[in-house]
Amino acid sequence: YLQMNSLKPEDTAVYYCAAVKAGAYTVQAMC
């Protein structure tokens, strides 16, 4: 899930989810 609060006009977009099998990258790097 992605809970989105206090939404702003600049949040307007198409939102996608994606998956990858766990690996050596940090979650920040993956993102």
PDB file of all heavy atoms in Angstrom:
ATOM      1  N   TYR A   1       0.836  -1.200   0.000  1.00  0.00           N
ATOM      2  CA  TYR A   1       0.000   0.000   0.000  1.00  0.00           C
ATOM      3  C   TYR A   1       0.873   1.254   0.000  1.00  0.00           C
ATOM      4  O   TYR A   1       2.007   1.251   0.484  1.00  0.00           O
ATOM      5  CB  TYR A   1      -0.904   0.021   1.229  1.00  0.00           C
ATOM      6  CG  TYR A   1      -1.768  -1.205   1.366  1.00  0.00           C
ATOM      7  CD1 TYR A   1      -1.402  -2.252   2.212  1.00  0.00           C
ATOM      8  CD2 TYR A   1      -2.958  -1.320   0.645  1.00  0.00           C
ATOM      9  CE1 TYR A   1      -2.183  -3.386   2.331  1.00  0.00           C
ATOM     10  CE2 TYR A   1      -3.746  -2.450   0.768  1.00  0.00           C
ATOM     11  CZ  TYR A   1      -3.357  -3.479   1.613  1.00  0.00           C
ATOM     12  OH  TYR A   1      -4.133  -4.594   1.726  1.00  0.00           O
ATOM     13  N   LEU A   2       0.299   2.323  -0.501  1.00  0.00           N
ATOM     14  CA  LEU A   2       0.906   3.641  -0.384  1.00  0.00           C
ATOM     15  C   LEU A   2      -0.180   4.588   0.116  1.00  0.00           C
ATOM     16  O   LEU A   2      -1.103   4.931  -0.638  1.00  0.00           O
ATOM     17  CB  LEU A   2       1.473   4.136  -1.711  1.00  0.00           C
ATOM     18  CG  LEU A   2       2.234   5.470  -1.631  1.00  0.00           C
ATOM     19  CD1 LEU A   2       3.531   5.292  -0.832  1.00  0.00           C
ATOM     20  CD2 LEU A   2       2.540   6.005  -3.030  1.00  0.00           C
ATOM     21  N   GLN A   3      -0.090   4.955   1.376  1.00  0.00           N
ATOM     22  CA  GLN A   3      -1.027   5.918   1.947  1.00  0.00           C
ATOM     23  C   GLN A   3      -0.514   7.314   1.663  1.00  0.00           C
ATOM     24  O   GLN A   3       0.610   7.655   2.045  1.00  0.00           O
ATOM     25  CB  GLN A   3      -1.162   5.708   3.460  1.00  0.00           C
ATOM     26  CG  GLN A   3      -2.083   6.695   4.151  1.00  0.00           C
ATOM     27  CD  GLN A   3      -3.534   6.532   3.732  1.00  0.00           C
ATOM     28  OE1 GLN A   3      -4.040   5.424   3.635  1.00  0.00           O
ATOM     29  NE2 GLN A   3      -4.208   7.650   3.477  1.00  0.00           N
ATOM     30  N   MET A   4      -1.321   8.113   1.001  1.00  0.00           N
ATOM     31  CA  MET A   4      -0.910   9.454   0.601  1.00  0.00           C
ATOM     32  C   MET A   4      -1.815  10.474   1.273  1.00  0.00           C
ATOM     33  O   MET A   4      -3.029  10.494   1.030  1.00  0.00           O
ATOM     34  CB  MET A   4      -0.991   9.587  -0.922  1.00  0.00           C
ATOM     35  CG  MET A   4      -0.224   8.517  -1.679  1.00  0.00           C
ATOM     36  SD  MET A   4      -0.143   8.795  -3.462  1.00  0.00           S
ATOM     37  CE  MET A   4      -1.873   8.685  -3.880  1.00  0.00           C
ATOM     38  N   ASN A   5      -1.238  11.284   2.129  1.00  0.00           N
ATOM     39  CA  ASN A   5      -1.976  12.315   2.846  1.00  0.00           C
ATOM     40  C   ASN A   5      -1.483  13.697   2.427  1.00  0.00           C
ATOM     41  O   ASN A   5      -0.415  13.835   1.829  1.00  0.00           O
ATOM     42  CB  ASN A   5      -1.802  12.141   4.351  1.00  0.00           C
ATOM     43  CG  ASN A   5      -2.332  10.818   4.862  1.00  0.00           C
ATOM     44  OD1 ASN A   5      -3.297  10.266   4.324  1.00  0.00           O
ATOM     45  ND2 ASN A   5      -1.696  10.290   5.902  1.00  0.00           N
ATOM     46  N   SER A   6      -2.257  14.705   2.755  1.00  0.00           N
ATOM     47  CA  SER A   6      -1.891  16.096   2.457  1.00  0.00           C
ATOM     48  C   SER A   6      -1.456  16.251   1.005  1.00  0.00           C
ATOM     49  O   SER A   6      -0.414  16.847   0.708  1.00  0.00           O
ATOM     50  CB  SER A   6      -0.771  16.559   3.401  1.00  0.00           C
ATOM     51  OG  SER A   6      -1.161  16.436   4.748  1.00  0.00           O
ATOM     52  N   LEU A   7      -2.256  15.713   0.119  1.00  0.00           N
ATOM     53  CA  LEU A   7      -1.883  15.710  -1.289  1.00  0.00           C
ATOM     54  C   LEU A   7      -1.831  17.118  -1.861  1.00  0.00           C
ATOM     55  O   LEU A   7      -2.616  18.002  -1.472  1.00  0.00           O
ATOM     56  CB  LEU A   7      -2.863  14.838  -2.082  1.00  0.00           C
ATOM     57  CG  LEU A   7      -2.606  13.330  -1.922  1.00  0.00           C
ATOM     58  CD1 LEU A   7      -3.820  12.521  -2.332  1.00  0.00           C
ATOM     59  CD2 LEU A   7      -1.393  12.910  -2.744  1.00  0.00           C
ATOM     60  N   LYS A   8      -0.902  17.290  -2.792  1.00  0.00           N
ATOM     61  CA  LYS A   8      -0.678  18.582  -3.436  1.00  0.00           C
ATOM     62  C   LYS A   8      -0.872  18.421  -4.946  1.00  0.00           C
ATOM     63  O   LYS A   8      -0.707  17.319  -5.476  1.00  0.00           O
ATOM     64  CB  LYS A   8       0.758  19.055  -3.166  1.00  0.00           C
ATOM     65  CG  LYS A   8       1.138  19.142  -1.698  1.00  0.00           C
ATOM     66  CD  LYS A   8       2.606  19.497  -1.542  1.00  0.00           C
ATOM     67  CE  LYS A   8       3.013  19.550  -0.079  1.00  0.00           C
ATOM     68  NZ  LYS A   8       4.452  19.896   0.074  1.00  0.00           N
ATOM     69  N   PRO A   9      -1.163  19.503  -5.635  1.00  0.00           N
ATOM     70  CA  PRO A   9      -1.306  19.403  -7.100  1.00  0.00           C
ATOM     71  C   PRO A   9      -0.063  18.799  -7.769  1.00  0.00           C
ATOM     72  O   PRO A   9      -0.198  18.087  -8.770  1.00  0.00           O
ATOM     73  CB  PRO A   9      -1.521  20.857  -7.517  1.00  0.00           C
ATOM     74  CG  PRO A   9      -2.189  21.484  -6.339  1.00  0.00           C
ATOM     75  CD  PRO A   9      -1.542  20.836  -5.138  1.00  0.00           C
ATOM     76  N   GLU A  10       1.094  19.052  -7.213  1.00  0.00           N
ATOM     77  CA  GLU A  10       2.326  18.506  -7.808  1.00  0.00           C
ATOM     78  C   GLU A  10       2.482  17.004  -7.607  1.00  0.00           C
ATOM     79  O   GLU A  10       3.412  16.401  -8.144  1.00  0.00           O
ATOM     80  CB  GLU A  10       3.569  19.231  -7.271  1.00  0.00           C
ATOM     81  CG  GLU A  10       3.649  19.333  -5.764  1.00  0.00           C
ATOM     82  CD  GLU A  10       3.135  20.666  -5.248  1.00  0.00           C
ATOM     83  OE1 GLU A  10       2.077  21.138  -5.729  1.00  0.00           O
ATOM     84  OE2 GLU A  10       3.791  21.226  -4.340  1.00  0.00           O
ATOM     85  N   ASP A  11       1.587  16.388  -6.847  1.00  0.00           N
ATOM     86  CA  ASP A  11       1.563  14.928  -6.720  1.00  0.00           C
ATOM     87  C   ASP A  11       0.820  14.272  -7.882  1.00  0.00           C
ATOM     88  O   ASP A  11       0.818  13.047  -7.997  1.00  0.00           O
ATOM     89  CB  ASP A  11       0.907  14.511  -5.403  1.00  0.00           C
ATOM     90  CG  ASP A  11       1.710  14.947  -4.191  1.00  0.00           C
ATOM     91  OD1 ASP A  11       2.943  14.823  -4.207  1.00  0.00           O
ATOM     92  OD2 ASP A  11       1.070  15.412  -3.212  1.00  0.00           O
ATOM     93  N   THR A  12       0.201  15.075  -8.720  1.00  0.00           N
ATOM     94  CA  THR A  12      -0.537  14.537  -9.864  1.00  0.00           C
ATOM     95  C   THR A  12       0.404  13.790 -10.800  1.00  0.00           C
ATOM     96  O   THR A  12       1.418  14.325 -11.238  1.00  0.00           O
ATOM     97  CB  THR A  12      -1.230  15.680 -10.630  1.00  0.00           C
ATOM     98  OG1 THR A  12      -2.222  16.268  -9.778  1.00  0.00           O
ATOM     99  CG2 THR A  12      -1.893  15.151 -11.896  1.00  0.00           C
ATOM    100  N   ALA A  13       0.070  12.538 -11.079  1.00  0.00           N
ATOM    101  CA  ALA A  13       0.920  11.686 -11.914  1.00  0.00           C
ATOM    102  C   ALA A  13       0.262  10.325 -12.073  1.00  0.00           C
ATOM    103  O   ALA A  13      -0.723  10.021 -11.396  1.00  0.00           O
ATOM    104  CB  ALA A  13       2.295  11.511 -11.276  1.00  0.00           C
ATOM    105  N   VAL A  14       0.835   9.524 -12.952  1.00  0.00           N
ATOM    106  CA  VAL A  14       0.494   8.103 -12.988  1.00  0.00           C
ATOM    107  C   VAL A  14       1.439   7.409 -12.014  1.00  0.00           C
ATOM    108  O   VAL A  14       2.657   7.598 -12.085  1.00  0.00           O
ATOM    109  CB  VAL A  14       0.644   7.517 -14.399  1.00  0.00           C
ATOM    110  CG1 VAL A  14       0.334   6.024 -14.382  1.00  0.00           C
ATOM    111  CG2 VAL A  14      -0.289   8.233 -15.375  1.00  0.00           C
ATOM    112  N   TYR A  15       0.860   6.632 -11.116  1.00  0.00           N
ATOM    113  CA  TYR A  15       1.644   5.935 -10.108  1.00  0.00           C
ATOM    114  C   TYR A  15       1.758   4.458 -10.485  1.00  0.00           C
ATOM    115  O   TYR A  15       0.757   3.804 -10.811  1.00  0.00           O
ATOM    116  CB  TYR A  15       0.982   6.076  -8.731  1.00  0.00           C
ATOM    117  CG  TYR A  15       1.220   7.437  -8.119  1.00  0.00           C
ATOM    118  CD1 TYR A  15       0.595   8.568  -8.640  1.00  0.00           C
ATOM    119  CD2 TYR A  15       2.081   7.604  -7.036  1.00  0.00           C
ATOM    120  CE1 TYR A  15       0.818   9.826  -8.099  1.00  0.00           C
ATOM    121  CE2 TYR A  15       2.310   8.854  -6.481  1.00  0.00           C
ATOM    122  CZ  TYR A  15       1.680   9.958  -7.020  1.00  0.00           C
ATOM    123  OH  TYR A  15       1.907  11.210  -6.476  1.00  0.00           O
ATOM    124  N   TYR A  16       2.977   3.958 -10.406  1.00  0.00           N
ATOM    125  CA  TYR A  16       3.271   2.575 -10.733  1.00  0.00           C
ATOM    126  C   TYR A  16       3.874   1.870  -9.527  1.00  0.00           C
ATOM    127  O   TYR A  16       4.636   2.481  -8.767  1.00  0.00           O
ATOM    128  CB  TYR A  16       4.290   2.494 -11.867  1.00  0.00           C
ATOM    129  CG  TYR A  16       3.892   3.171 -13.155  1.00  0.00           C
ATOM    130  CD1 TYR A  16       4.171   4.518 -13.366  1.00  0.00           C
ATOM    131  CD2 TYR A  16       3.249   2.461 -14.159  1.00  0.00           C
ATOM    132  CE1 TYR A  16       3.812   5.147 -14.543  1.00  0.00           C
ATOM    133  CE2 TYR A  16       2.885   3.078 -15.346  1.00  0.00           C
ATOM    134  CZ  TYR A  16       3.171   4.420 -15.527  1.00  0.00           C
ATOM    135  OH  TYR A  16       2.816   5.032 -16.702  1.00  0.00           O
ATOM    136  N   CYS A  17       3.560   0.583  -9.381  1.00  0.00           N
ATOM    137  CA  CYS A  17       4.313  -0.204  -8.424  1.00  0.00           C
ATOM    138  C   CYS A  17       5.197  -1.174  -9.194  1.00  0.00           C
ATOM    139  O   CYS A  17       4.930  -1.512 -10.356  1.00  0.00           O
ATOM    140  CB  CYS A  17       3.403  -0.940  -7.446  1.00  0.00           C
ATOM    141  SG  CYS A  17       2.400  -2.254  -8.148  1.00  0.00           S
ATOM    142  N   ALA A  18       6.258  -1.590  -8.534  1.00  0.00           N
ATOM    143  CA  ALA A  18       7.238  -2.478  -9.161  1.00  0.00           C
ATOM    144  C   ALA A  18       7.821  -3.401  -8.110  1.00  0.00           C
ATOM    145  O   ALA A  18       7.832  -3.073  -6.913  1.00  0.00           O
ATOM    146  CB  ALA A  18       8.333  -1.660  -9.826  1.00  0.00           C
ATOM    147  N   ALA A  19       8.323  -4.522  -8.562  1.00  0.00           N
ATOM    148  CA  ALA A  19       8.869  -5.523  -7.653  1.00  0.00           C
ATOM    149  C   ALA A  19      10.214  -6.026  -8.165  1.00  0.00           C
ATOM    150  O   ALA A  19      10.448  -6.104  -9.374  1.00  0.00           O
ATOM    151  CB  ALA A  19       7.899  -6.700  -7.519  1.00  0.00           C
ATOM    152  N   VAL A  20      11.078  -6.357  -7.216  1.00  0.00           N
ATOM    153  CA  VAL A  20      12.356  -6.981  -7.566  1.00  0.00           C
ATOM    154  C   VAL A  20      12.744  -7.924  -6.438  1.00  0.00           C
ATOM    155  O   VAL A  20      12.528  -7.620  -5.260  1.00  0.00           O
ATOM    156  CB  VAL A  20      13.447  -5.916  -7.804  1.00  0.00           C
ATOM    157  CG1 VAL A  20      13.768  -5.144  -6.548  1.00  0.00           C
ATOM    158  CG2 VAL A  20      14.699  -6.561  -8.382  1.00  0.00           C
ATOM    159  N   LYS A  21      13.308  -9.055  -6.804  1.00  0.00           N
ATOM    160  CA  LYS A  21      13.707 -10.010  -5.791  1.00  0.00           C
ATOM    161  C   LYS A  21      14.864  -9.439  -4.991  1.00  0.00           C
ATOM    162  O   LYS A  21      15.727  -8.748  -5.534  1.00  0.00           O
ATOM    163  CB  LYS A  21      14.112 -11.339  -6.424  1.00  0.00           C
ATOM    164  CG  LYS A  21      13.895 -12.531  -5.517  1.00  0.00           C
ATOM    165  CD  LYS A  21      13.829 -13.821  -6.274  1.00  0.00           C
ATOM    166  CE  LYS A  21      13.412 -14.959  -5.355  1.00  0.00           C
ATOM    167  NZ  LYS A  21      13.375 -16.258  -6.045  1.00  0.00           N
ATOM    168  N   ALA A  22      14.828  -9.701  -3.694  1.00  0.00           N
ATOM    169  CA  ALA A  22      15.815  -9.119  -2.795  1.00  0.00           C
ATOM    170  C   ALA A  22      17.233  -9.389  -3.301  1.00  0.00           C
ATOM    171  O   ALA A  22      17.557 -10.494  -3.721  1.00  0.00           O
ATOM    172  CB  ALA A  22      15.634  -9.684  -1.398  1.00  0.00           C
ATOM    173  N   GLY A  23      18.087  -8.357  -3.210  1.00  0.00           N
ATOM    174  CA  GLY A  23      19.460  -8.493  -3.670  1.00  0.00           C
ATOM    175  C   GLY A  23      20.394  -7.710  -2.785  1.00  0.00           C
ATOM    176  O   GLY A  23      20.112  -7.472  -1.614  1.00  0.00           O
ATOM    177  N   ALA A  24      21.493  -7.277  -3.372  1.00  0.00           N
ATOM    178  CA  ALA A  24      22.535  -6.640  -2.574  1.00  0.00           C
ATOM    179  C   ALA A  24      22.342  -5.131  -2.421  1.00  0.00           C
ATOM    180  O   ALA A  24      23.029  -4.501  -1.637  1.00  0.00           O
ATOM    181  CB  ALA A  24      23.902  -6.923  -3.192  1.00  0.00           C
ATOM    182  N   TYR A  25      21.412  -4.548  -3.152  1.00  0.00           N
ATOM    183  CA  TYR A  25      21.245  -3.101  -3.130  1.00  0.00           C
ATOM    184  C   TYR A  25      20.483  -2.655  -1.891  1.00  0.00           C
ATOM    185  O   TYR A  25      19.635  -3.366  -1.370  1.00  0.00           O
ATOM    186  CB  TYR A  25      20.488  -2.635  -4.376  1.00  0.00           C
ATOM    187  CG  TYR A  25      21.218  -2.924  -5.662  1.00  0.00           C
ATOM    188  CD1 TYR A  25      20.851  -4.001  -6.457  1.00  0.00           C
ATOM    189  CD2 TYR A  25      22.254  -2.102  -6.100  1.00  0.00           C
ATOM    190  CE1 TYR A  25      21.507  -4.263  -7.648  1.00  0.00           C
ATOM    191  CE2 TYR A  25      22.917  -2.358  -7.287  1.00  0.00           C
ATOM    192  CZ  TYR A  25      22.538  -3.437  -8.047  1.00  0.00           C
ATOM    193  OH  TYR A  25      23.183  -3.685  -9.224  1.00  0.00           O
ATOM    194  N   THR A  26      20.775  -1.442  -1.443  1.00  0.00           N
ATOM    195  CA  THR A  26      19.978  -0.853  -0.372  1.00  0.00           C
ATOM    196  C   THR A  26      18.626  -0.446  -0.954  1.00  0.00           C
ATOM    197  O   THR A  26      18.481  -0.259  -2.173  1.00  0.00           O
ATOM    198  CB  THR A  26      20.657   0.386   0.214  1.00  0.00           C
ATOM    199  OG1 THR A  26      20.723   1.408  -0.792  1.00  0.00           O
ATOM    200  CG2 THR A  26      22.066   0.073   0.704  1.00  0.00           C
ATOM    201  N   VAL A  27      17.659  -0.278  -0.082  1.00  0.00           N
ATOM    202  CA  VAL A  27      16.334   0.109  -0.556  1.00  0.00           C
ATOM    203  C   VAL A  27      16.389   1.494  -1.199  1.00  0.00           C
ATOM    204  O   VAL A  27      15.662   1.765  -2.165  1.00  0.00           O
ATOM    205  CB  VAL A  27      15.293   0.043   0.590  1.00  0.00           C
ATOM    206  CG1 VAL A  27      15.593   1.065   1.669  1.00  0.00           C
ATOM    207  CG2 VAL A  27      13.896   0.191   0.048  1.00  0.00           C
ATOM    208  N   GLN A  28      17.263   2.364  -0.691  1.00  0.00           N
ATOM    209  CA  GLN A  28      17.388   3.683  -1.297  1.00  0.00           C
ATOM    210  C   GLN A  28      17.944   3.571  -2.718  1.00  0.00           C
ATOM    211  O   GLN A  28      17.435   4.212  -3.637  1.00  0.00           O
ATOM    212  CB  GLN A  28      18.290   4.585  -0.463  1.00  0.00           C
ATOM    213  CG  GLN A  28      18.488   5.968  -1.077  1.00  0.00           C
ATOM    214  CD  GLN A  28      19.273   6.921  -0.195  1.00  0.00           C
ATOM    215  OE1 GLN A  28      19.480   6.662   0.991  1.00  0.00           O
ATOM    216  NE2 GLN A  28      19.696   8.031  -0.758  1.00  0.00           N
ATOM    217  N   ALA A  29      18.978   2.766  -2.889  1.00  0.00           N
ATOM    218  CA  ALA A  29      19.574   2.620  -4.219  1.00  0.00           C
ATOM    219  C   ALA A  29      18.567   2.044  -5.208  1.00  0.00           C
ATOM    220  O   ALA A  29      18.461   2.484  -6.344  1.00  0.00           O
ATOM    221  CB  ALA A  29      20.820   1.746  -4.138  1.00  0.00           C
ATOM    222  N   MET A  30      17.819   1.043  -4.745  1.00  0.00           N
ATOM    223  CA  MET A  30      16.824   0.429  -5.624  1.00  0.00           C
ATOM    224  C   MET A  30      15.798   1.457  -6.070  1.00  0.00           C
ATOM    225  O   MET A  30      15.352   1.465  -7.211  1.00  0.00           O
ATOM    226  CB  MET A  30      16.141  -0.738  -4.915  1.00  0.00           C
ATOM    227  CG  MET A  30      17.029  -1.965  -4.770  1.00  0.00           C
ATOM    228  SD  MET A  30      16.104  -3.403  -4.201  1.00  0.00           S
ATOM    229  CE  MET A  30      15.804  -2.940  -2.501  1.00  0.00           C
ATOM    230  N   CYS A  31      15.422   2.331  -5.157  1.00  0.00           N
ATOM    231  CA  CYS A  31      14.382   3.310  -5.455  1.00  0.00           C
ATOM    232  C   CYS A  31      14.916   4.419  -6.367  1.00  0.00           C
ATOM    233  O   CYS A  31      14.268   4.798  -7.332  1.00  0.00           O
ATOM    234  CB  CYS A  31      13.859   3.902  -4.149  1.00  0.00           C
ATOM    235  SG  CYS A  31      12.072   4.175  -4.122  1.00  0.00           S
TER     236      CYS A  31
END
